[in-house]
Amino acid sequence: MTGIVIFNVLMIALAAAVGSALVPTNRISSMLEWLHAIIGITPPAPEKSKLFALVWIGSMIAIVDGLLFLLVFLTLRAMGSR
């Protein structure tokens, strides 16, 4: 439980740092280019890199929390059916 809370706090802190320009735009842009190259999609324009970084962070929060919720939900349903 503590790990989930720490993950969410760190991801929100990262989003706040990206959104408030504490992280330089060129660093965000280079990381997004690297991430998009691995996946095989076109990287965003440098002026849109902050928005895309926030979308990626929000997506990761939703995916991780959704999977953990699904794991707990299915585990409780399986244990309750015994």
PDB file of N, CA and C in Angstrom:
ATOM      1  N   MET A   1       0.819  -1.191   0.000  1.00  0.00           N
ATOM      2  CA  MET A   1       0.000   0.000   0.000  1.00  0.00           C
ATOM      3  C   MET A   1       0.869   1.264   0.000  1.00  0.00           C
ATOM      4  N   THR A   2       1.931   1.211   0.783  1.00  0.00           N
ATOM      5  CA  THR A   2       2.831   2.356   0.852  1.00  0.00           C
ATOM      6  C   THR A   2       3.499   2.600  -0.495  1.00  0.00           C
ATOM      7  N   GLY A   3       3.832   1.527  -1.194  1.00  0.00           N
ATOM      8  CA  GLY A   3       4.464   1.654  -2.495  1.00  0.00           C
ATOM      9  C   GLY A   3       3.566   2.340  -3.512  1.00  0.00           C
ATOM     10  N   ILE A   4       2.274   2.049  -3.457  1.00  0.00           N
ATOM     11  CA  ILE A   4       1.318   2.667  -4.376  1.00  0.00           C
ATOM     12  C   ILE A   4       1.226   4.163  -4.110  1.00  0.00           C
ATOM     13  N   VAL A   5       1.162   4.529  -2.842  1.00  0.00           N
ATOM     14  CA  VAL A   5       1.078   5.939  -2.475  1.00  0.00           C
ATOM     15  C   VAL A   5       2.358   6.669  -2.880  1.00  0.00           C
ATOM     16  N   ILE A   6       3.504   6.061  -2.618  1.00  0.00           N
ATOM     17  CA  ILE A   6       4.776   6.684  -2.988  1.00  0.00           C
ATOM     18  C   ILE A   6       4.874   6.854  -4.504  1.00  0.00           C
ATOM     19  N   PHE A   7       4.464   5.833  -5.267  1.00  0.00           N
ATOM     20  CA  PHE A   7       4.475   5.925  -6.724  1.00  0.00           C
ATOM     21  C   PHE A   7       3.627   7.096  -7.195  1.00  0.00           C
ATOM     22  N   ASN A   8       2.405   7.211  -6.675  1.00  0.00           N
ATOM     23  CA  ASN A   8       1.522   8.288  -7.097  1.00  0.00           C
ATOM     24  C   ASN A   8       2.060   9.663  -6.710  1.00  0.00           C
ATOM     25  N   VAL A   9       2.619   9.784  -5.525  1.00  0.00           N
ATOM     26  CA  VAL A   9       3.183  11.067  -5.089  1.00  0.00           C
ATOM     27  C   VAL A   9       4.368  11.453  -5.965  1.00  0.00           C
ATOM     28  N   LEU A  10       5.237  10.495  -6.270  1.00  0.00           N
ATOM     29  CA  LEU A  10       6.394  10.791  -7.121  1.00  0.00           C
ATOM     30  C   LEU A  10       5.979  11.148  -8.547  1.00  0.00           C
ATOM     31  N   MET A  11       4.991  10.471  -9.080  1.00  0.00           N
ATOM     32  CA  MET A  11       4.536  10.776 -10.437  1.00  0.00           C
ATOM     33  C   MET A  11       3.866  12.154 -10.485  1.00  0.00           C
ATOM     34  N   ILE A  12       3.108  12.504  -9.470  1.00  0.00           N
ATOM     35  CA  ILE A  12       2.482  13.829  -9.428  1.00  0.00           C
ATOM     36  C   ILE A  12       3.550  14.905  -9.245  1.00  0.00           C
ATOM     37  N   ALA A  13       4.576  14.615  -8.436  1.00  0.00           N
ATOM     38  CA  ALA A  13       5.681  15.568  -8.281  1.00  0.00           C
ATOM     39  C   ALA A  13       6.440  15.739  -9.597  1.00  0.00           C
ATOM     40  N   LEU A  14       6.626  14.652 -10.336  1.00  0.00           N
ATOM     41  CA  LEU A  14       7.274  14.741 -11.641  1.00  0.00           C
ATOM     42  C   LEU A  14       6.435  15.569 -12.609  1.00  0.00           C
ATOM     43  N   ALA A  15       5.128  15.346 -12.602  1.00  0.00           N
ATOM     44  CA  ALA A  15       4.239  16.137 -13.465  1.00  0.00           C
ATOM     45  C   ALA A  15       4.279  17.614 -13.077  1.00  0.00           C
ATOM     46  N   ALA A  16       4.319  17.903 -11.790  1.00  0.00           N
ATOM     47  CA  ALA A  16       4.398  19.300 -11.352  1.00  0.00           C
ATOM     48  C   ALA A  16       5.723  19.931 -11.772  1.00  0.00           C
ATOM     49  N   ALA A  17       6.815  19.160 -11.688  1.00  0.00           N
ATOM     50  CA  ALA A  17       8.121  19.682 -12.102  1.00  0.00           C
ATOM     51  C   ALA A  17       8.159  19.947 -13.604  1.00  0.00           C
ATOM     52  N   VAL A  18       7.557  19.068 -14.376  1.00  0.00           N
ATOM     53  CA  VAL A  18       7.515  19.261 -15.828  1.00  0.00           C
ATOM     54  C   VAL A  18       6.604  20.432 -16.170  1.00  0.00           C
ATOM     55  N   GLY A  19       5.454  20.497 -15.532  1.00  0.00           N
ATOM     56  CA  GLY A  19       4.489  21.553 -15.825  1.00  0.00           C
ATOM     57  C   GLY A  19       4.945  22.937 -15.420  1.00  0.00           C
ATOM     58  N   SER A  20       5.726  23.027 -14.361  1.00  0.00           N
ATOM     59  CA  SER A  20       6.164  24.339 -13.881  1.00  0.00           C
ATOM     60  C   SER A  20       7.540  24.738 -14.413  1.00  0.00           C
ATOM     61  N   ALA A  21       8.052  24.011 -15.388  1.00  0.00           N
ATOM     62  CA  ALA A  21       9.320  24.310 -16.064  1.00  0.00           C
ATOM     63  C   ALA A  21      10.543  24.163 -15.150  1.00  0.00           C
ATOM     64  N   LEU A  22      10.458  23.339 -14.108  1.00  0.00           N
ATOM     65  CA  LEU A  22      11.657  23.040 -13.310  1.00  0.00           C
ATOM     66  C   LEU A  22      12.593  22.117 -14.075  1.00  0.00           C
ATOM     67  N   VAL A  23      12.018  21.290 -14.948  1.00  0.00           N
ATOM     68  CA  VAL A  23      12.805  20.420 -15.817  1.00  0.00           C
ATOM     69  C   VAL A  23      12.968  21.146 -17.146  1.00  0.00           C
ATOM     70  N   PRO A  24      14.200  21.295 -17.641  1.00  0.00           N
ATOM     71  CA  PRO A  24      14.409  22.029 -18.897  1.00  0.00           C
ATOM     72  C   PRO A  24      13.691  21.369 -20.080  1.00  0.00           C
ATOM     73  N   THR A  25      13.196  22.201 -20.983  1.00  0.00           N
ATOM     74  CA  THR A  25      12.442  21.708 -22.127  1.00  0.00           C
ATOM     75  C   THR A  25      13.287  20.829 -23.037  1.00  0.00           C
ATOM     76  N   ASN A  26      14.565  21.145 -23.189  1.00  0.00           N
ATOM     77  CA  ASN A  26      15.413  20.319 -24.064  1.00  0.00           C
ATOM     78  C   ASN A  26      15.612  18.918 -23.495  1.00  0.00           C
ATOM     79  N   ARG A  27      15.642  18.790 -22.177  1.00  0.00           N
ATOM     80  CA  ARG A  27      15.753  17.463 -21.551  1.00  0.00           C
ATOM     81  C   ARG A  27      14.474  16.672 -21.756  1.00  0.00           C
ATOM     82  N   ILE A  28      13.323  17.325 -21.588  1.00  0.00           N
ATOM     83  CA  ILE A  28      12.045  16.657 -21.814  1.00  0.00           C
ATOM     84  C   ILE A  28      11.951  16.209 -23.273  1.00  0.00           C
ATOM     85  N   SER A  29      12.332  17.089 -24.187  1.00  0.00           N
ATOM     86  CA  SER A  29      12.252  16.788 -25.610  1.00  0.00           C
ATOM     87  C   SER A  29      13.138  15.606 -25.977  1.00  0.00           C
ATOM     88  N   SER A  30      14.351  15.565 -25.434  1.00  0.00           N
ATOM     89  CA  SER A  30      15.251  14.451 -25.761  1.00  0.00           C
ATOM     90  C   SER A  30      14.749  13.135 -25.175  1.00  0.00           C
ATOM     91  N   MET A  31      14.175  13.169 -23.984  1.00  0.00           N
ATOM     92  CA  MET A  31      13.625  11.943 -23.405  1.00  0.00           C
ATOM     93  C   MET A  31      12.423  11.449 -24.196  1.00  0.00           C
ATOM     94  N   LEU A  32      11.576  12.367 -24.644  1.00  0.00           N
ATOM     95  CA  LEU A  32      10.425  11.964 -25.449  1.00  0.00           C
ATOM     96  C   LEU A  32      10.851  11.420 -26.807  1.00  0.00           C
ATOM     97  N   GLU A  33      11.880  12.004 -27.408  1.00  0.00           N
ATOM     98  CA  GLU A  33      12.388  11.474 -28.673  1.00  0.00           C
ATOM     99  C   GLU A  33      12.895  10.050 -28.488  1.00  0.00           C
ATOM    100  N   TRP A  34      13.591   9.801 -27.393  1.00  0.00           N
ATOM    101  CA  TRP A  34      14.096   8.471 -27.093  1.00  0.00           C
ATOM    102  C   TRP A  34      12.940   7.491 -26.879  1.00  0.00           C
ATOM    103  N   LEU A  35      11.942   7.887 -26.094  1.00  0.00           N
ATOM    104  CA  LEU A  35      10.793   7.029 -25.822  1.00  0.00           C
ATOM    105  C   LEU A  35      10.013   6.724 -27.096  1.00  0.00           C
ATOM    106  N   HIS A  36       9.775   7.726 -27.917  1.00  0.00           N
ATOM    107  CA  HIS A  36       9.030   7.522 -29.151  1.00  0.00           C
ATOM    108  C   HIS A  36       9.840   6.690 -30.150  1.00  0.00           C
ATOM    109  N   ALA A  37      11.157   6.810 -30.151  1.00  0.00           N
ATOM    110  CA  ALA A  37      11.990   6.001 -31.041  1.00  0.00           C
ATOM    111  C   ALA A  37      11.919   4.523 -30.655  1.00  0.00           C
ATOM    112  N   ILE A  38      11.874   4.243 -29.362  1.00  0.00           N
ATOM    113  CA  ILE A  38      11.769   2.859 -28.903  1.00  0.00           C
ATOM    114  C   ILE A  38      10.437   2.260 -29.340  1.00  0.00           C
ATOM    115  N   ILE A  39       9.372   3.021 -29.198  1.00  0.00           N
ATOM    116  CA  ILE A  39       8.047   2.531 -29.561  1.00  0.00           C
ATOM    117  C   ILE A  39       7.876   2.494 -31.076  1.00  0.00           C
ATOM    118  N   GLY A  40       8.540   3.397 -31.782  1.00  0.00           N
ATOM    119  CA  GLY A  40       8.461   3.428 -33.234  1.00  0.00           C
ATOM    120  C   GLY A  40       7.427   4.403 -33.765  1.00  0.00           C
ATOM    121  N   ILE A  41       7.164   5.459 -33.001  1.00  0.00           N
ATOM    122  CA  ILE A  41       6.220   6.477 -33.461  1.00  0.00           C
ATOM    123  C   ILE A  41       6.949   7.809 -33.607  1.00  0.00           C
ATOM    124  N   THR A  42       6.326   8.719 -34.317  1.00  0.00           N
ATOM    125  CA  THR A  42       6.933  10.016 -34.579  1.00  0.00           C
ATOM    126  C   THR A  42       6.987  10.850 -33.293  1.00  0.00           C
ATOM    127  N   PRO A  43       8.155  11.407 -32.960  1.00  0.00           N
ATOM    128  CA  PRO A  43       8.246  12.240 -31.751  1.00  0.00           C
ATOM    129  C   PRO A  43       7.523  13.574 -31.950  1.00  0.00           C
ATOM    130  N   PRO A  44       7.068  14.174 -30.848  1.00  0.00           N
ATOM    131  CA  PRO A  44       6.373  15.458 -30.969  1.00  0.00           C
ATOM    132  C   PRO A  44       7.345  16.598 -31.276  1.00  0.00           C
ATOM    133  N   ALA A  45       6.784  17.696 -31.721  1.00  0.00           N
ATOM    134  CA  ALA A  45       7.589  18.898 -31.949  1.00  0.00           C
ATOM    135  C   ALA A  45       8.112  19.404 -30.597  1.00  0.00           C
ATOM    136  N   PRO A  46       9.291  20.029 -30.584  1.00  0.00           N
ATOM    137  CA  PRO A  46       9.867  20.489 -29.306  1.00  0.00           C
ATOM    138  C   PRO A  46       8.959  21.433 -28.516  1.00  0.00           C
ATOM    139  N   GLU A  47       8.172  22.264 -29.200  1.00  0.00           N
ATOM    140  CA  GLU A  47       7.288  23.178 -28.466  1.00  0.00           C
ATOM    141  C   GLU A  47       6.096  22.458 -27.822  1.00  0.00           C
ATOM    142  N   LYS A  48       5.804  21.237 -28.247  1.00  0.00           N
ATOM    143  CA  LYS A  48       4.704  20.457 -27.664  1.00  0.00           C
ATOM    144  C   LYS A  48       5.207  19.395 -26.683  1.00  0.00           C
ATOM    145  N   SER A  49       6.502  19.360 -26.423  1.00  0.00           N
ATOM    146  CA  SER A  49       7.058  18.283 -25.615  1.00  0.00           C
ATOM    147  C   SER A  49       6.554  18.307 -24.172  1.00  0.00           C
ATOM    148  N   LYS A  50       6.318  19.481 -23.610  1.00  0.00           N
ATOM    149  CA  LYS A  50       5.824  19.555 -22.236  1.00  0.00           C
ATOM    150  C   LYS A  50       4.431  18.925 -22.119  1.00  0.00           C
ATOM    151  N   LEU A  51       3.560  19.231 -23.069  1.00  0.00           N
ATOM    152  CA  LEU A  51       2.209  18.654 -23.070  1.00  0.00           C
ATOM    153  C   LEU A  51       2.270  17.141 -23.235  1.00  0.00           C
ATOM    154  N   PHE A  52       3.104  16.665 -24.158  1.00  0.00           N
ATOM    155  CA  PHE A  52       3.211  15.224 -24.374  1.00  0.00           C
ATOM    156  C   PHE A  52       3.787  14.526 -23.151  1.00  0.00           C
ATOM    157  N   ALA A  53       4.731  15.146 -22.469  1.00  0.00           N
ATOM    158  CA  ALA A  53       5.287  14.549 -21.247  1.00  0.00           C
ATOM    159  C   ALA A  53       4.216  14.426 -20.178  1.00  0.00           C
ATOM    160  N   LEU A  54       3.382  15.453 -20.044  1.00  0.00           N
ATOM    161  CA  LEU A  54       2.291  15.382 -19.064  1.00  0.00           C
ATOM    162  C   LEU A  54       1.280  14.299 -19.430  1.00  0.00           C
ATOM    163  N   VAL A  55       1.022  14.131 -20.709  1.00  0.00           N
ATOM    164  CA  VAL A  55       0.105  13.066 -21.149  1.00  0.00           C
ATOM    165  C   VAL A  55       0.698  11.692 -20.839  1.00  0.00           C
ATOM    166  N   TRP A  56       1.997  11.515 -21.100  1.00  0.00           N
ATOM    167  CA  TRP A  56       2.644  10.242 -20.785  1.00  0.00           C
ATOM    168  C   TRP A  56       2.605   9.948 -19.279  1.00  0.00           C
ATOM    169  N   ILE A  57       2.862  10.953 -18.467  1.00  0.00           N
ATOM    170  CA  ILE A  57       2.852  10.751 -17.011  1.00  0.00           C
ATOM    171  C   ILE A  57       1.446  10.395 -16.537  1.00  0.00           C
ATOM    172  N   GLY A  58       0.449  11.119 -17.024  1.00  0.00           N
ATOM    173  CA  GLY A  58      -0.935  10.807 -16.660  1.00  0.00           C
ATOM    174  C   GLY A  58      -1.352   9.422 -17.116  1.00  0.00           C
ATOM    175  N   SER A  59      -0.907   9.028 -18.292  1.00  0.00           N
ATOM    176  CA  SER A  59      -1.226   7.691 -18.802  1.00  0.00           C
ATOM    177  C   SER A  59      -0.590   6.610 -17.933  1.00  0.00           C
ATOM    178  N   MET A  60       0.642   6.829 -17.526  1.00  0.00           N
ATOM    179  CA  MET A  60       1.305   5.840 -16.676  1.00  0.00           C
ATOM    180  C   MET A  60       0.623   5.703 -15.323  1.00  0.00           C
ATOM    181  N   ILE A  61       0.189   6.822 -14.756  1.00  0.00           N
ATOM    182  CA  ILE A  61      -0.535   6.760 -13.486  1.00  0.00           C
ATOM    183  C   ILE A  61      -1.828   5.961 -13.661  1.00  0.00           C
ATOM    184  N   ALA A  62      -2.572   6.254 -14.720  1.00  0.00           N
ATOM    185  CA  ALA A  62      -3.841   5.559 -14.959  1.00  0.00           C
ATOM    186  C   ALA A  62      -3.630   4.073 -15.215  1.00  0.00           C
ATOM    187  N   ILE A  63      -2.606   3.717 -15.984  1.00  0.00           N
ATOM    188  CA  ILE A  63      -2.353   2.310 -16.287  1.00  0.00           C
ATOM    189  C   ILE A  63      -1.944   1.540 -15.037  1.00  0.00           C
ATOM    190  N   VAL A  64      -0.980   2.069 -14.290  1.00  0.00           N
ATOM    191  CA  VAL A  64      -0.499   1.358 -13.095  1.00  0.00           C
ATOM    192  C   VAL A  64      -1.597   1.244 -12.047  1.00  0.00           C
ATOM    193  N   ASP A  65      -2.300   2.342 -11.759  1.00  0.00           N
ATOM    194  CA  ASP A  65      -3.363   2.286 -10.764  1.00  0.00           C
ATOM    195  C   ASP A  65      -4.510   1.389 -11.227  1.00  0.00           C
ATOM    196  N   GLY A  66      -4.832   1.436 -12.513  1.00  0.00           N
ATOM    197  CA  GLY A  66      -5.894   0.585 -13.049  1.00  0.00           C
ATOM    198  C   GLY A  66      -5.548  -0.887 -12.946  1.00  0.00           C
ATOM    199  N   LEU A  67      -4.313  -1.239 -13.267  1.00  0.00           N
ATOM    200  CA  LEU A  67      -3.897  -2.636 -13.162  1.00  0.00           C
ATOM    201  C   LEU A  67      -3.870  -3.113 -11.710  1.00  0.00           C
ATOM    202  N   LEU A  68      -3.414  -2.270 -10.807  1.00  0.00           N
ATOM    203  CA  LEU A  68      -3.418  -2.653  -9.394  1.00  0.00           C
ATOM    204  C   LEU A  68      -4.841  -2.816  -8.865  1.00  0.00           C
ATOM    205  N   PHE A  69      -5.745  -1.910  -9.269  1.00  0.00           N
ATOM    206  CA  PHE A  69      -7.144  -2.043  -8.870  1.00  0.00           C
ATOM    207  C   PHE A  69      -7.729  -3.335  -9.416  1.00  0.00           C
ATOM    208  N   LEU A  70      -7.450  -3.638 -10.679  1.00  0.00           N
ATOM    209  CA  LEU A  70      -7.961  -4.863 -11.281  1.00  0.00           C
ATOM    210  C   LEU A  70      -7.415  -6.091 -10.570  1.00  0.00           C
ATOM    211  N   LEU A  71      -6.131  -6.082 -10.220  1.00  0.00           N
ATOM    212  CA  LEU A  71      -5.536  -7.199  -9.493  1.00  0.00           C
ATOM    213  C   LEU A  71      -6.222  -7.409  -8.146  1.00  0.00           C
ATOM    214  N   VAL A  72      -6.408  -6.327  -7.399  1.00  0.00           N
ATOM    215  CA  VAL A  72      -7.054  -6.444  -6.085  1.00  0.00           C
ATOM    216  C   VAL A  72      -8.507  -6.881  -6.246  1.00  0.00           C
ATOM    217  N   PHE A  73      -9.227  -6.312  -7.198  1.00  0.00           N
ATOM    218  CA  PHE A  73     -10.626  -6.654  -7.423  1.00  0.00           C
ATOM    219  C   PHE A  73     -10.777  -8.129  -7.784  1.00  0.00           C
ATOM    220  N   LEU A  74      -9.971  -8.597  -8.728  1.00  0.00           N
ATOM    221  CA  LEU A  74     -10.080 -10.000  -9.129  1.00  0.00           C
ATOM    222  C   LEU A  74      -9.632 -10.956  -8.040  1.00  0.00           C
ATOM    223  N   THR A  75      -8.625 -10.576  -7.278  1.00  0.00           N
ATOM    224  CA  THR A  75      -8.177 -11.414  -6.180  1.00  0.00           C
ATOM    225  C   THR A  75      -9.243 -11.536  -5.107  1.00  0.00           C
ATOM    226  N   LEU A  76      -9.883 -10.398  -4.769  1.00  0.00           N
ATOM    227  CA  LEU A  76     -10.955 -10.453  -3.761  1.00  0.00           C
ATOM    228  C   LEU A  76     -12.138 -11.258  -4.257  1.00  0.00           C
ATOM    229  N   ARG A  77     -12.475 -11.137  -5.549  1.00  0.00           N
ATOM    230  CA  ARG A  77     -13.582 -11.921  -6.108  1.00  0.00           C
ATOM    231  C   ARG A  77     -13.251 -13.418  -6.090  1.00  0.00           C
ATOM    232  N   ALA A  78     -12.019 -13.779  -6.399  1.00  0.00           N
ATOM    233  CA  ALA A  78     -11.628 -15.184  -6.402  1.00  0.00           C
ATOM    234  C   ALA A  78     -11.610 -15.754  -4.990  1.00  0.00           C
ATOM    235  N   MET A  79     -11.158 -14.965  -4.033  1.00  0.00           N
ATOM    236  CA  MET A  79     -11.112 -15.438  -2.653  1.00  0.00           C
ATOM    237  C   MET A  79     -12.503 -15.508  -2.037  1.00  0.00           C
ATOM    238  N   GLY A  80     -13.393 -14.617  -2.458  1.00  0.00           N
ATOM    239  CA  GLY A  80     -14.740 -14.607  -1.901  1.00  0.00           C
ATOM    240  C   GLY A  80     -15.616 -15.723  -2.430  1.00  0.00           C
ATOM    241  N   SER A  81     -15.234 -16.327  -3.559  1.00  0.00           N
ATOM    242  CA  SER A  81     -16.063 -17.372  -4.143  1.00  0.00           C
ATOM    243  C   SER A  81     -15.797 -18.737  -3.536  1.00  0.00           C
ATOM    244  N   ARG A  82     -14.825 -18.841  -2.676  1.00  0.00           N
ATOM    245  CA  ARG A  82     -14.504 -20.138  -2.062  1.00  0.00           C
ATOM    246  C   ARG A  82     -15.431 -20.484  -0.975  1.00  0.00           C
TER     247      ARG A  82
END
